[in-house]
Amino acid sequence: MVPELDKGTLKVFILYGFFQSEEMARLATDAGISAYTESDDTLFQLNSFVRRFYINILGRDAEQEGLDFWVANLVNSTINAGELAQGFFFSQEFIAQAHDDSRFVEIAYETILGRVSDESGKIFWIGQLNSGVSREELIGEFINSVEFKVLAAEYGIQVS
């Protein structure tokens, strides 16, 4: 088996590596076609960023129409990464999943911060929810974190 696939790397990221390789550039040149361009790279990054939200929040892959909608809005700066996150977290599809506070906080960590929660952090945020902080406020705090800004920047996206 391919070690990267065994570790859970998405197939699309493996293809991305091939497309950016020097060998692919030579093959494209020999065939008289354009190699992978900076514009292609930007679109790949945006598609990957949006797919994370579909997979982590909605628990499914993106349908093409929805993916195109979110990516186009990011490209045109109609929305930013924070607004994208809010759109997914407060979508009817996600709300209908009726996650308890523990799972909600874990999904926020995995999606917005790009990592699993640490025990003390998770306990803190569940306590905040139990003491009256709304889920909207919690997501706002996560969106404004340095961790989310760094994660979004890795994909070439502004948070606000």
C-alpha atoms as a PDB file:
ATOM      1  CA  MET A   1       0.000   0.000   0.000  1.00  0.00           C
ATOM      2  CA  VAL A   2       1.024   3.646  -0.326  1.00  0.00           C
ATOM      3  CA  PRO A   3       2.279   4.921   3.056  1.00  0.00           C
ATOM      4  CA  GLU A   4       0.617   8.332   2.660  1.00  0.00           C
ATOM      5  CA  LEU A   5      -2.782   6.719   2.025  1.00  0.00           C
ATOM      6  CA  ASP A   6      -2.251   4.435   5.004  1.00  0.00           C
ATOM      7  CA  LYS A   7      -1.737   7.549   7.165  1.00  0.00           C
ATOM      8  CA  GLY A   8      -5.074   8.943   5.987  1.00  0.00           C
ATOM      9  CA  THR A   9      -3.814  11.477   3.476  1.00  0.00           C
ATOM     10  CA  LEU A  10      -6.555  12.332   1.022  1.00  0.00           C
ATOM     11  CA  LYS A  11      -5.943  11.093  -2.507  1.00  0.00           C
ATOM     12  CA  VAL A  12      -6.366  14.615  -3.815  1.00  0.00           C
ATOM     13  CA  PHE A  13      -3.297  15.745  -1.820  1.00  0.00           C
ATOM     14  CA  ILE A  14      -1.220  12.955  -3.279  1.00  0.00           C
ATOM     15  CA  LEU A  15      -2.296  14.016  -6.775  1.00  0.00           C
ATOM     16  CA  TYR A  16      -1.435  17.584  -5.857  1.00  0.00           C
ATOM     17  CA  GLY A  17       2.108  16.449  -5.107  1.00  0.00           C
ATOM     18  CA  PHE A  18       2.359  14.782  -8.494  1.00  0.00           C
ATOM     19  CA  PHE A  19       1.020  17.839 -10.317  1.00  0.00           C
ATOM     20  CA  GLN A  20       3.615  20.075  -8.672  1.00  0.00           C
ATOM     21  CA  SER A  21       6.539  17.759  -9.384  1.00  0.00           C
ATOM     22  CA  GLU A  22       9.398  18.593 -11.748  1.00  0.00           C
ATOM     23  CA  GLU A  23       8.661  15.378 -13.627  1.00  0.00           C
ATOM     24  CA  MET A  24       5.108  16.527 -14.344  1.00  0.00           C
ATOM     25  CA  ALA A  25       6.414  19.897 -15.540  1.00  0.00           C
ATOM     26  CA  ARG A  26       8.798  18.127 -17.963  1.00  0.00           C
ATOM     27  CA  LEU A  27       6.042  15.837 -19.224  1.00  0.00           C
ATOM     28  CA  ALA A  28       3.729  18.791 -19.785  1.00  0.00           C
ATOM     29  CA  THR A  29       6.422  20.712 -21.635  1.00  0.00           C
ATOM     30  CA  ASP A  30       7.229  17.663 -23.799  1.00  0.00           C
ATOM     31  CA  ALA A  31       3.519  17.309 -24.605  1.00  0.00           C
ATOM     32  CA  GLY A  32       3.212  20.997 -25.449  1.00  0.00           C
ATOM     33  CA  ILE A  33       0.710  21.781 -22.688  1.00  0.00           C
ATOM     34  CA  SER A  34       0.773  24.033 -19.670  1.00  0.00           C
ATOM     35  CA  ALA A  35       2.013  22.587 -16.441  1.00  0.00           C
ATOM     36  CA  TYR A  36       0.307  23.194 -13.117  1.00  0.00           C
ATOM     37  CA  THR A  37       0.135  26.985 -12.689  1.00  0.00           C
ATOM     38  CA  GLU A  38      -0.058  29.338  -9.732  1.00  0.00           C
ATOM     39  CA  SER A  39      -3.729  29.905 -10.551  1.00  0.00           C
ATOM     40  CA  ASP A  40      -4.318  26.137 -10.431  1.00  0.00           C
ATOM     41  CA  ASP A  41      -2.534  26.055  -7.093  1.00  0.00           C
ATOM     42  CA  THR A  42      -4.750  28.811  -5.671  1.00  0.00           C
ATOM     43  CA  LEU A  43      -7.908  27.016  -6.753  1.00  0.00           C
ATOM     44  CA  PHE A  44      -6.618  23.730  -5.351  1.00  0.00           C
ATOM     45  CA  GLN A  45      -5.900  25.386  -1.997  1.00  0.00           C
ATOM     46  CA  LEU A  46      -9.356  26.985  -1.871  1.00  0.00           C
ATOM     47  CA  ASN A  47     -11.079  23.729  -2.844  1.00  0.00           C
ATOM     48  CA  SER A  48      -9.112  21.868  -0.167  1.00  0.00           C
ATOM     49  CA  PHE A  49      -9.969  24.455   2.471  1.00  0.00           C
ATOM     50  CA  VAL A  50     -13.689  24.307   1.698  1.00  0.00           C
ATOM     51  CA  ARG A  51     -13.683  20.486   1.522  1.00  0.00           C
ATOM     52  CA  ARG A  52     -12.358  20.423   5.100  1.00  0.00           C
ATOM     53  CA  PHE A  53     -15.560  22.133   6.236  1.00  0.00           C
ATOM     54  CA  TYR A  54     -17.788  19.703   4.371  1.00  0.00           C
ATOM     55  CA  ILE A  55     -15.948  16.686   5.754  1.00  0.00           C
ATOM     56  CA  ASN A  56     -15.365  17.901   9.330  1.00  0.00           C
ATOM     57  CA  ILE A  57     -18.650  19.714   9.911  1.00  0.00           C
ATOM     58  CA  LEU A  58     -21.213  18.042   7.681  1.00  0.00           C
ATOM     59  CA  GLY A  59     -19.551  14.617   7.695  1.00  0.00           C
ATOM     60  CA  ARG A  60     -19.615  14.244   3.927  1.00  0.00           C
ATOM     61  CA  ASP A  61     -17.771  15.270   0.796  1.00  0.00           C
ATOM     62  CA  ALA A  62     -18.845  18.387  -1.034  1.00  0.00           C
ATOM     63  CA  GLU A  63     -21.319  18.314  -3.876  1.00  0.00           C
ATOM     64  CA  GLN A  64     -19.862  20.178  -6.868  1.00  0.00           C
ATOM     65  CA  GLU A  65     -22.447  22.982  -6.869  1.00  0.00           C
ATOM     66  CA  GLY A  66     -21.875  23.776  -3.191  1.00  0.00           C
ATOM     67  CA  LEU A  67     -18.102  23.548  -3.517  1.00  0.00           C
ATOM     68  CA  ASP A  68     -18.169  25.892  -6.518  1.00  0.00           C
ATOM     69  CA  PHE A  69     -20.388  28.342  -4.613  1.00  0.00           C
ATOM     70  CA  TRP A  70     -18.089  28.607  -1.583  1.00  0.00           C
ATOM     71  CA  VAL A  71     -14.868  28.692  -3.630  1.00  0.00           C
ATOM     72  CA  ALA A  72     -16.238  31.402  -5.959  1.00  0.00           C
ATOM     73  CA  ASN A  73     -17.216  33.498  -2.946  1.00  0.00           C
ATOM     74  CA  LEU A  74     -13.712  33.140  -1.485  1.00  0.00           C
ATOM     75  CA  VAL A  75     -12.092  33.965  -4.854  1.00  0.00           C
ATOM     76  CA  ASN A  76     -14.276  37.052  -5.285  1.00  0.00           C
ATOM     77  CA  SER A  77     -13.747  38.076  -1.631  1.00  0.00           C
ATOM     78  CA  THR A  78     -17.517  38.046  -1.144  1.00  0.00           C
ATOM     79  CA  ILE A  79     -16.830  36.094   2.049  1.00  0.00           C
ATOM     80  CA  ASN A  80     -13.787  35.414   4.183  1.00  0.00           C
ATOM     81  CA  ALA A  81     -12.730  32.289   6.070  1.00  0.00           C
ATOM     82  CA  GLY A  82     -14.611  33.312   9.209  1.00  0.00           C
ATOM     83  CA  GLU A  83     -17.860  33.792   7.319  1.00  0.00           C
ATOM     84  CA  LEU A  84     -17.339  30.443   5.604  1.00  0.00           C
ATOM     85  CA  ALA A  85     -16.948  28.772   9.011  1.00  0.00           C
ATOM     86  CA  GLN A  86     -20.089  30.438  10.328  1.00  0.00           C
ATOM     87  CA  GLY A  87     -21.987  29.399   7.211  1.00  0.00           C
ATOM     88  CA  PHE A  88     -21.175  25.747   7.816  1.00  0.00           C
ATOM     89  CA  PHE A  89     -21.533  25.699  11.597  1.00  0.00           C
ATOM     90  CA  PHE A  90     -24.916  27.390  11.480  1.00  0.00           C
ATOM     91  CA  SER A  91     -26.256  25.686   8.363  1.00  0.00           C
ATOM     92  CA  GLN A  92     -29.548  23.831   8.667  1.00  0.00           C
ATOM     93  CA  GLU A  93     -27.752  20.613   7.722  1.00  0.00           C
ATOM     94  CA  PHE A  94     -25.316  20.881  10.626  1.00  0.00           C
ATOM     95  CA  ILE A  95     -27.908  22.103  13.127  1.00  0.00           C
ATOM     96  CA  ALA A  96     -30.122  19.128  12.213  1.00  0.00           C
ATOM     97  CA  GLN A  97     -27.327  16.783  13.326  1.00  0.00           C
ATOM     98  CA  ALA A  98     -28.062  17.993  16.895  1.00  0.00           C
ATOM     99  CA  HIS A  99     -24.589  17.413  18.345  1.00  0.00           C
ATOM    100  CA  ASP A 100     -24.194  17.703  22.084  1.00  0.00           C
ATOM    101  CA  ASP A 101     -21.830  20.362  23.430  1.00  0.00           C
ATOM    102  CA  SER A 102     -18.904  17.955  23.734  1.00  0.00           C
ATOM    103  CA  ARG A 103     -19.083  16.906  20.090  1.00  0.00           C
ATOM    104  CA  PHE A 104     -19.732  20.492  18.959  1.00  0.00           C
ATOM    105  CA  VAL A 105     -16.580  21.695  20.711  1.00  0.00           C
ATOM    106  CA  GLU A 106     -14.553  18.819  19.247  1.00  0.00           C
ATOM    107  CA  ILE A 107     -15.761  19.625  15.725  1.00  0.00           C
ATOM    108  CA  ALA A 108     -14.828  23.274  16.282  1.00  0.00           C
ATOM    109  CA  TYR A 109     -11.320  22.283  17.358  1.00  0.00           C
ATOM    110  CA  GLU A 110     -10.831  19.883  14.443  1.00  0.00           C
ATOM    111  CA  THR A 111     -12.201  22.244  11.822  1.00  0.00           C
ATOM    112  CA  ILE A 112     -11.214  25.717  12.933  1.00  0.00           C
ATOM    113  CA  LEU A 113      -8.010  24.974  14.821  1.00  0.00           C
ATOM    114  CA  GLY A 114      -6.973  21.989  12.723  1.00  0.00           C
ATOM    115  CA  ARG A 115      -6.340  19.701  15.692  1.00  0.00           C
ATOM    116  CA  VAL A 116      -8.071  17.597  18.287  1.00  0.00           C
ATOM    117  CA  SER A 117      -8.915  19.345  21.520  1.00  0.00           C
ATOM    118  CA  ASP A 118      -6.714  19.259  24.560  1.00  0.00           C
ATOM    119  CA  GLU A 119      -8.573  18.073  27.664  1.00  0.00           C
ATOM    120  CA  SER A 120      -8.369  21.339  29.599  1.00  0.00           C
ATOM    121  CA  GLY A 121      -9.431  23.397  26.581  1.00  0.00           C
ATOM    122  CA  LYS A 122     -12.387  21.182  25.854  1.00  0.00           C
ATOM    123  CA  ILE A 123     -13.515  21.275  29.490  1.00  0.00           C
ATOM    124  CA  PHE A 124     -13.181  25.068  29.470  1.00  0.00           C
ATOM    125  CA  TRP A 125     -15.324  25.552  26.344  1.00  0.00           C
ATOM    126  CA  ILE A 126     -17.994  23.086  27.454  1.00  0.00           C
ATOM    127  CA  GLY A 127     -18.113  25.004  30.749  1.00  0.00           C
ATOM    128  CA  GLN A 128     -18.508  28.246  28.826  1.00  0.00           C
ATOM    129  CA  LEU A 129     -21.444  26.807  26.899  1.00  0.00           C
ATOM    130  CA  ASN A 130     -22.992  25.510  30.127  1.00  0.00           C
ATOM    131  CA  SER A 131     -22.678  28.967  31.689  1.00  0.00           C
ATOM    132  CA  GLY A 132     -24.532  30.733  28.881  1.00  0.00           C
ATOM    133  CA  VAL A 133     -22.003  31.448  26.146  1.00  0.00           C
ATOM    134  CA  SER A 134     -23.762  30.776  22.844  1.00  0.00           C
ATOM    135  CA  ARG A 135     -22.404  28.493  20.161  1.00  0.00           C
ATOM    136  CA  GLU A 136     -22.178  31.549  17.904  1.00  0.00           C
ATOM    137  CA  GLU A 137     -19.941  33.285  20.456  1.00  0.00           C
ATOM    138  CA  LEU A 138     -17.791  30.175  20.847  1.00  0.00           C
ATOM    139  CA  ILE A 139     -17.288  29.889  17.085  1.00  0.00           C
ATOM    140  CA  GLY A 140     -16.497  33.616  16.983  1.00  0.00           C
ATOM    141  CA  GLU A 141     -13.744  33.098  19.559  1.00  0.00           C
ATOM    142  CA  PHE A 142     -12.292  30.178  17.596  1.00  0.00           C
ATOM    143  CA  ILE A 143     -12.439  32.145  14.325  1.00  0.00           C
ATOM    144  CA  ASN A 144     -10.560  35.057  15.910  1.00  0.00           C
ATOM    145  CA  SER A 145      -7.816  32.787  17.264  1.00  0.00           C
ATOM    146  CA  VAL A 146      -4.237  32.939  16.049  1.00  0.00           C
ATOM    147  CA  GLU A 147      -4.467  29.209  15.256  1.00  0.00           C
ATOM    148  CA  PHE A 148      -7.268  29.743  12.734  1.00  0.00           C
ATOM    149  CA  LYS A 149      -5.465  32.677  11.145  1.00  0.00           C
ATOM    150  CA  VAL A 150      -2.372  30.516  10.703  1.00  0.00           C
ATOM    151  CA  LEU A 151      -4.420  27.594   9.336  1.00  0.00           C
ATOM    152  CA  ALA A 152      -6.274  29.834   6.858  1.00  0.00           C
ATOM    153  CA  ALA A 153      -3.000  31.455   5.771  1.00  0.00           C
ATOM    154  CA  GLU A 154      -1.625  27.994   4.920  1.00  0.00           C
ATOM    155  CA  TYR A 155      -4.390  27.858   2.311  1.00  0.00           C
ATOM    156  CA  GLY A 156      -3.813  31.481   1.230  1.00  0.00           C
ATOM    157  CA  ILE A 157      -7.065  32.715   2.783  1.00  0.00           C
ATOM    158  CA  GLN A 158      -7.819  35.757   4.953  1.00  0.00           C
ATOM    159  CA  VAL A 159      -9.858  35.179   8.115  1.00  0.00           C
ATOM    160  CA  SER A 160     -11.527  38.598   8.151  1.00  0.00           C
END
